[in-house]
C-alpha atoms as a PDB file:
ATOM      1  CA  UNK A   1       5.454  24.212 -20.243  1.00  0.00           C
ATOM      2  CA  UNK A   2       4.617  21.521 -17.633  1.00  0.00           C
ATOM      3  CA  UNK A   3       7.200  18.820 -17.135  1.00  0.00           C
ATOM      4  CA  UNK A   4       6.256  15.182 -16.924  1.00  0.00           C
ATOM      5  CA  UNK A   5       6.171  14.719 -13.148  1.00  0.00           C
ATOM      6  CA  UNK A   6       2.460  14.010 -12.727  1.00  0.00           C
ATOM      7  CA  UNK A   7       0.934  10.581 -12.443  1.00  0.00           C
ATOM      8  CA  UNK A   8       1.815   9.991  -8.797  1.00  0.00           C
ATOM      9  CA  UNK A   9      -0.770  10.008  -6.003  1.00  0.00           C
ATOM     10  CA  UNK A  10       0.468  13.224  -4.393  1.00  0.00           C
ATOM     11  CA  UNK A  11       0.473  15.366  -7.527  1.00  0.00           C
ATOM     12  CA  UNK A  12      -2.762  13.823  -8.762  1.00  0.00           C
ATOM     13  CA  UNK A  13      -4.451  14.881  -5.499  1.00  0.00           C
ATOM     14  CA  UNK A  14      -3.692  18.560  -6.176  1.00  0.00           C
ATOM     15  CA  UNK A  15      -5.899  20.955  -8.099  1.00  0.00           C
ATOM     16  CA  UNK A  16      -4.737  21.652 -11.690  1.00  0.00           C
ATOM     17  CA  UNK A  17      -3.483  25.170 -10.931  1.00  0.00           C
ATOM     18  CA  UNK A  18      -1.312  24.045  -7.988  1.00  0.00           C
ATOM     19  CA  UNK A  19      -0.023  21.069  -9.961  1.00  0.00           C
ATOM     20  CA  UNK A  20       0.911  23.412 -12.821  1.00  0.00           C
ATOM     21  CA  UNK A  21       2.793  25.711 -10.434  1.00  0.00           C
ATOM     22  CA  UNK A  22       4.759  22.776  -9.039  1.00  0.00           C
ATOM     23  CA  UNK A  23       5.559  21.487 -12.538  1.00  0.00           C
ATOM     24  CA  UNK A  24       6.878  24.896 -13.566  1.00  0.00           C
ATOM     25  CA  UNK A  25       9.445  24.741 -10.743  1.00  0.00           C
ATOM     26  CA  UNK A  26      10.433  21.070 -10.925  1.00  0.00           C
ATOM     27  CA  UNK A  27      13.679  19.451 -11.969  1.00  0.00           C
ATOM     28  CA  UNK A  28      13.339  15.781 -12.829  1.00  0.00           C
ATOM     29  CA  UNK A  29      16.101  13.358 -11.859  1.00  0.00           C
ATOM     30  CA  UNK A  30      16.457   9.616 -12.259  1.00  0.00           C
ATOM     31  CA  UNK A  31      18.037   6.857 -10.215  1.00  0.00           C
ATOM     32  CA  UNK A  32      18.602   3.448 -11.791  1.00  0.00           C
ATOM     33  CA  UNK A  33      17.658   0.247  -9.966  1.00  0.00           C
ATOM     34  CA  UNK A  34      20.428  -0.885  -7.606  1.00  0.00           C
ATOM     35  CA  UNK A  35      21.977   2.596  -7.670  1.00  0.00           C
ATOM     36  CA  UNK A  36      22.533   4.214  -4.294  1.00  0.00           C
ATOM     37  CA  UNK A  37      22.977   7.848  -3.437  1.00  0.00           C
ATOM     38  CA  UNK A  38      23.655   9.993  -0.418  1.00  0.00           C
ATOM     39  CA  UNK A  39      21.230  12.768   0.390  1.00  0.00           C
ATOM     40  CA  UNK A  40      22.861  15.733   2.094  1.00  0.00           C
ATOM     41  CA  UNK A  41      19.682  17.677   2.727  1.00  0.00           C
ATOM     42  CA  UNK A  42      19.708  19.852  -0.364  1.00  0.00           C
ATOM     43  CA  UNK A  43      17.292  22.746  -0.175  1.00  0.00           C
ATOM     44  CA  UNK A  44      14.600  20.840  -2.064  1.00  0.00           C
ATOM     45  CA  UNK A  45      11.935  18.248  -1.556  1.00  0.00           C
ATOM     46  CA  UNK A  46      11.671  15.203  -3.796  1.00  0.00           C
ATOM     47  CA  UNK A  47       8.376  13.691  -4.837  1.00  0.00           C
ATOM     48  CA  UNK A  48       8.799  10.095  -5.982  1.00  0.00           C
ATOM     49  CA  UNK A  49       7.000  10.077  -9.339  1.00  0.00           C
ATOM     50  CA  UNK A  50       7.855   6.483 -10.267  1.00  0.00           C
ATOM     51  CA  UNK A  51       9.408   3.516  -8.521  1.00  0.00           C
ATOM     52  CA  UNK A  52      10.298   2.214  -5.082  1.00  0.00           C
ATOM     53  CA  UNK A  53      13.395   2.944  -3.052  1.00  0.00           C
ATOM     54  CA  UNK A  54      14.833   2.385   0.368  1.00  0.00           C
ATOM     55  CA  UNK A  55      16.083   5.140   2.677  1.00  0.00           C
ATOM     56  CA  UNK A  56      18.444   4.501   5.551  1.00  0.00           C
ATOM     57  CA  UNK A  57      21.128   6.032   7.710  1.00  0.00           C
ATOM     58  CA  UNK A  58      24.360   4.323   8.623  1.00  0.00           C
ATOM     59  CA  UNK A  59      25.790   4.342  12.115  1.00  0.00           C
ATOM     60  CA  UNK A  60      29.515   4.705  12.724  1.00  0.00           C
ATOM     61  CA  UNK A  61      29.891   0.931  13.084  1.00  0.00           C
ATOM     62  CA  UNK A  62      28.233   0.396   9.691  1.00  0.00           C
ATOM     63  CA  UNK A  63      24.911  -0.765  11.132  1.00  0.00           C
ATOM     64  CA  UNK A  64      21.709   0.434   9.507  1.00  0.00           C
ATOM     65  CA  UNK A  65      19.195   2.688  11.151  1.00  0.00           C
ATOM     66  CA  UNK A  66      15.820   4.179  10.188  1.00  0.00           C
ATOM     67  CA  UNK A  67      15.097   2.108   7.119  1.00  0.00           C
ATOM     68  CA  UNK A  68      11.988   3.140   5.224  1.00  0.00           C
ATOM     69  CA  UNK A  69      10.492   1.865   1.986  1.00  0.00           C
ATOM     70  CA  UNK A  70       9.499   4.852  -0.149  1.00  0.00           C
ATOM     71  CA  UNK A  71       6.891   4.447  -2.889  1.00  0.00           C
ATOM     72  CA  UNK A  72       5.444   6.490  -5.720  1.00  0.00           C
ATOM     73  CA  UNK A  73       3.813   9.632  -4.310  1.00  0.00           C
ATOM     74  CA  UNK A  74       5.936   9.742  -1.146  1.00  0.00           C
ATOM     75  CA  UNK A  75       7.954  12.863  -0.421  1.00  0.00           C
ATOM     76  CA  UNK A  76      11.575  13.059   0.714  1.00  0.00           C
ATOM     77  CA  UNK A  77      13.173  16.088   2.334  1.00  0.00           C
ATOM     78  CA  UNK A  78      10.256  17.241   4.470  1.00  0.00           C
ATOM     79  CA  UNK A  79      12.591  17.347   7.486  1.00  0.00           C
ATOM     80  CA  UNK A  80      13.885  20.610   5.956  1.00  0.00           C
ATOM     81  CA  UNK A  81      10.684  22.348   7.096  1.00  0.00           C
ATOM     82  CA  UNK A  82      12.027  22.141  10.663  1.00  0.00           C
ATOM     83  CA  UNK A  83      14.855  24.614  10.158  1.00  0.00           C
ATOM     84  CA  UNK A  84      16.390  23.978  13.569  1.00  0.00           C
ATOM     85  CA  UNK A  85      16.359  20.196  13.150  1.00  0.00           C
ATOM     86  CA  UNK A  86      19.674  18.372  13.014  1.00  0.00           C
ATOM     87  CA  UNK A  87      18.602  15.651  10.582  1.00  0.00           C
ATOM     88  CA  UNK A  88      21.265  13.067   9.736  1.00  0.00           C
ATOM     89  CA  UNK A  89      22.591  12.467   6.265  1.00  0.00           C
ATOM     90  CA  UNK A  90      20.690   9.588   4.730  1.00  0.00           C
ATOM     91  CA  UNK A  91      21.189   7.221   1.831  1.00  0.00           C
ATOM     92  CA  UNK A  92      18.837   5.807  -0.771  1.00  0.00           C
ATOM     93  CA  UNK A  93      18.959   2.523  -2.619  1.00  0.00           C
ATOM     94  CA  UNK A  94      16.750   2.285  -5.692  1.00  0.00           C
ATOM     95  CA  UNK A  95      14.859  -1.002  -5.728  1.00  0.00           C
ATOM     96  CA  UNK A  96      13.391  -0.143  -9.145  1.00  0.00           C
ATOM     97  CA  UNK A  97      14.137   2.605 -11.640  1.00  0.00           C
ATOM     98  CA  UNK A  98      13.230   5.870  -9.909  1.00  0.00           C
ATOM     99  CA  UNK A  99      11.936   9.162 -11.233  1.00  0.00           C
ATOM    100  CA  UNK A 100      12.078  12.067  -8.762  1.00  0.00           C
ATOM    101  CA  UNK A 101      10.492  15.487  -9.080  1.00  0.00           C
ATOM    102  CA  UNK A 102      12.760  17.916  -7.223  1.00  0.00           C
ATOM    103  CA  UNK A 103      11.142  21.147  -6.109  1.00  0.00           C
ATOM    104  CA  UNK A 104      13.020  23.989  -4.395  1.00  0.00           C
ATOM    105  CA  UNK A 105      12.166  24.263  -0.710  1.00  0.00           C
ATOM    106  CA  UNK A 106      11.332  27.972  -1.083  1.00  0.00           C
ATOM    107  CA  UNK A 107       8.611  27.140  -3.642  1.00  0.00           C
ATOM    108  CA  UNK A 108       7.101  24.496  -1.364  1.00  0.00           C
ATOM    109  CA  UNK A 109       7.247  26.774   1.700  1.00  0.00           C
ATOM    110  CA  UNK A 110       5.529  29.578  -0.225  1.00  0.00           C
ATOM    111  CA  UNK A 111       2.809  27.229  -1.477  1.00  0.00           C
ATOM    112  CA  UNK A 112       2.372  25.813   2.021  1.00  0.00           C
ATOM    113  CA  UNK A 113       1.806  29.292   3.466  1.00  0.00           C
ATOM    114  CA  UNK A 114      -0.345  30.670   0.645  1.00  0.00           C
ATOM    115  CA  UNK A 115      -2.351  27.669  -0.566  1.00  0.00           C
ATOM    116  CA  UNK A 116      -4.539  25.999   2.038  1.00  0.00           C
ATOM    117  CA  UNK A 117      -5.350  23.012  -0.227  1.00  0.00           C
ATOM    118  CA  UNK A 118      -1.668  22.359  -0.920  1.00  0.00           C
ATOM    119  CA  UNK A 119      -0.854  22.565   2.801  1.00  0.00           C
ATOM    120  CA  UNK A 120      -3.692  20.155   3.600  1.00  0.00           C
ATOM    121  CA  UNK A 121      -2.567  17.638   0.954  1.00  0.00           C
ATOM    122  CA  UNK A 122       1.077  17.851   2.068  1.00  0.00           C
ATOM    123  CA  UNK A 123       0.130  17.303   5.713  1.00  0.00           C
ATOM    124  CA  UNK A 124      -2.196  14.456   4.732  1.00  0.00           C
ATOM    125  CA  UNK A 125       0.614  12.808   2.724  1.00  0.00           C
ATOM    126  CA  UNK A 126       3.032  13.114   5.646  1.00  0.00           C
ATOM    127  CA  UNK A 127       0.450  11.850   8.126  1.00  0.00           C
ATOM    128  CA  UNK A 128      -0.387   8.810   5.994  1.00  0.00           C
ATOM    129  CA  UNK A 129       3.302   8.006   5.529  1.00  0.00           C
ATOM    130  CA  UNK A 130       3.956   8.343   9.264  1.00  0.00           C
ATOM    131  CA  UNK A 131       0.996   6.090  10.068  1.00  0.00           C
ATOM    132  CA  UNK A 132       2.112   3.518   7.478  1.00  0.00           C
ATOM    133  CA  UNK A 133       5.638   3.520   8.913  1.00  0.00           C
ATOM    134  CA  UNK A 134       4.431   3.230  12.506  1.00  0.00           C
ATOM    135  CA  UNK A 135       2.244   0.243  11.630  1.00  0.00           C
ATOM    136  CA  UNK A 136       5.059  -1.278   9.580  1.00  0.00           C
ATOM    137  CA  UNK A 137       7.578  -1.129  12.425  1.00  0.00           C
ATOM    138  CA  UNK A 138       5.114  -2.349  15.064  1.00  0.00           C
ATOM    139  CA  UNK A 139       4.330  -5.320  12.824  1.00  0.00           C
ATOM    140  CA  UNK A 140       8.024  -5.959  12.151  1.00  0.00           C
ATOM    141  CA  UNK A 141       8.864  -6.031  15.866  1.00  0.00           C
ATOM    142  CA  UNK A 142       6.102  -8.552  16.554  1.00  0.00           C
ATOM    143  CA  UNK A 143       7.158 -11.042  13.853  1.00  0.00           C
ATOM    144  CA  UNK A 144       9.695 -13.832  13.830  1.00  0.00           C
ATOM    145  CA  UNK A 145      12.649 -13.603  11.446  1.00  0.00           C
ATOM    146  CA  UNK A 146      10.968 -15.826   8.851  1.00  0.00           C
ATOM    147  CA  UNK A 147       7.741 -13.801   9.094  1.00  0.00           C
ATOM    148  CA  UNK A 148       9.692 -10.546   8.640  1.00  0.00           C
ATOM    149  CA  UNK A 149      11.291 -11.847   5.456  1.00  0.00           C
ATOM    150  CA  UNK A 150       7.952 -13.019   4.067  1.00  0.00           C
ATOM    151  CA  UNK A 151       6.282  -9.698   4.966  1.00  0.00           C
ATOM    152  CA  UNK A 152       9.015  -7.588   3.312  1.00  0.00           C
ATOM    153  CA  UNK A 153       9.177  -9.918   0.317  1.00  0.00           C
ATOM    154  CA  UNK A 154       5.423  -9.539  -0.283  1.00  0.00           C
ATOM    155  CA  UNK A 155       5.550  -5.784   0.359  1.00  0.00           C
ATOM    156  CA  UNK A 156       8.320  -5.288  -2.208  1.00  0.00           C
ATOM    157  CA  UNK A 157       6.634  -7.593  -4.705  1.00  0.00           C
ATOM    158  CA  UNK A 158       3.385  -5.622  -4.395  1.00  0.00           C
ATOM    159  CA  UNK A 159       5.428  -2.439  -5.026  1.00  0.00           C
ATOM    160  CA  UNK A 160       6.521  -3.806  -8.435  1.00  0.00           C
ATOM    161  CA  UNK A 161      10.057  -4.577  -7.295  1.00  0.00           C
ATOM    162  CA  UNK A 162      11.543  -7.304  -9.493  1.00  0.00           C
ATOM    163  CA  UNK A 163      12.392  -9.743  -6.724  1.00  0.00           C
ATOM    164  CA  UNK A 164      14.772 -11.774  -8.893  1.00  0.00           C
ATOM    165  CA  UNK A 165      17.050  -8.706  -8.828  1.00  0.00           C
ATOM    166  CA  UNK A 166      17.112  -8.498  -5.014  1.00  0.00           C
ATOM    167  CA  UNK A 167      19.919 -10.549  -3.467  1.00  0.00           C
ATOM    168  CA  UNK A 168      19.617 -12.387  -0.182  1.00  0.00           C
ATOM    169  CA  UNK A 169      22.118  -9.931   1.314  1.00  0.00           C
ATOM    170  CA  UNK A 170      19.915  -7.005   0.264  1.00  0.00           C
ATOM    171  CA  UNK A 171      16.803  -8.688   1.615  1.00  0.00           C
ATOM    172  CA  UNK A 172      18.635  -9.330   4.894  1.00  0.00           C
ATOM    173  CA  UNK A 173      19.637  -5.651   5.009  1.00  0.00           C
ATOM    174  CA  UNK A 174      16.070  -4.487   4.344  1.00  0.00           C
ATOM    175  CA  UNK A 175      14.473  -6.829   6.889  1.00  0.00           C
ATOM    176  CA  UNK A 176      17.164  -6.480   9.548  1.00  0.00           C
ATOM    177  CA  UNK A 177      17.763 -10.215   9.878  1.00  0.00           C
ATOM    178  CA  UNK A 178      20.707 -12.461   9.031  1.00  0.00           C
ATOM    179  CA  UNK A 179      21.325 -13.858   5.565  1.00  0.00           C
ATOM    180  CA  UNK A 180      20.835 -17.360   7.006  1.00  0.00           C
ATOM    181  CA  UNK A 181      17.350 -16.379   8.176  1.00  0.00           C
ATOM    182  CA  UNK A 182      16.590 -15.031   4.695  1.00  0.00           C
ATOM    183  CA  UNK A 183      17.768 -18.256   3.053  1.00  0.00           C
ATOM    184  CA  UNK A 184      15.609 -20.355   5.405  1.00  0.00           C
ATOM    185  CA  UNK A 185      12.564 -18.092   4.906  1.00  0.00           C
ATOM    186  CA  UNK A 186      12.948 -18.101   1.113  1.00  0.00           C
ATOM    187  CA  UNK A 187      12.774 -21.902   1.104  1.00  0.00           C
ATOM    188  CA  UNK A 188       9.431 -21.658   2.897  1.00  0.00           C
ATOM    189  CA  UNK A 189       8.135 -18.906   0.599  1.00  0.00           C
ATOM    190  CA  UNK A 190       8.779 -20.987  -2.520  1.00  0.00           C
ATOM    191  CA  UNK A 191       7.369 -24.262  -1.157  1.00  0.00           C
END
């Protein structure tokens, strides 16, 4: 019996038979808004079926690194395909309520090797996400602090994040600017 993990852009792009095969092997998990978790690289990929979250790694001094905003249809855990890769532990912070479809890596690897359409859609998803992230970070490096805050604020708002639940400290963390810069930018946003 198929589980309720469809309705996201990735799964909807698959043919019905492939989607059914994925649904037969899925475990659905949830993450409440504001809840954080640590991902240790379990032997599974996670398709975000609902919601928006933030992924990041922490350096030894507590500084953030590699922040990425993950949306419905994005896939986490694809670094596991590179078996020799030493990928760091990463953390997630749910910006909305999250629904994840967890699929064992072995199932995904088998589908990737045996199903050309699945492989194409997976590679297309990864390519689009990489392109989106590259453009995002180029834009972020070219903006002033106030512009960064406004850009991230609008991006989160368009991703159905309830902005009244996001603190200035969290917005500063996401944008990589100081809380003072966030406070100043927020005054300009609400003028």
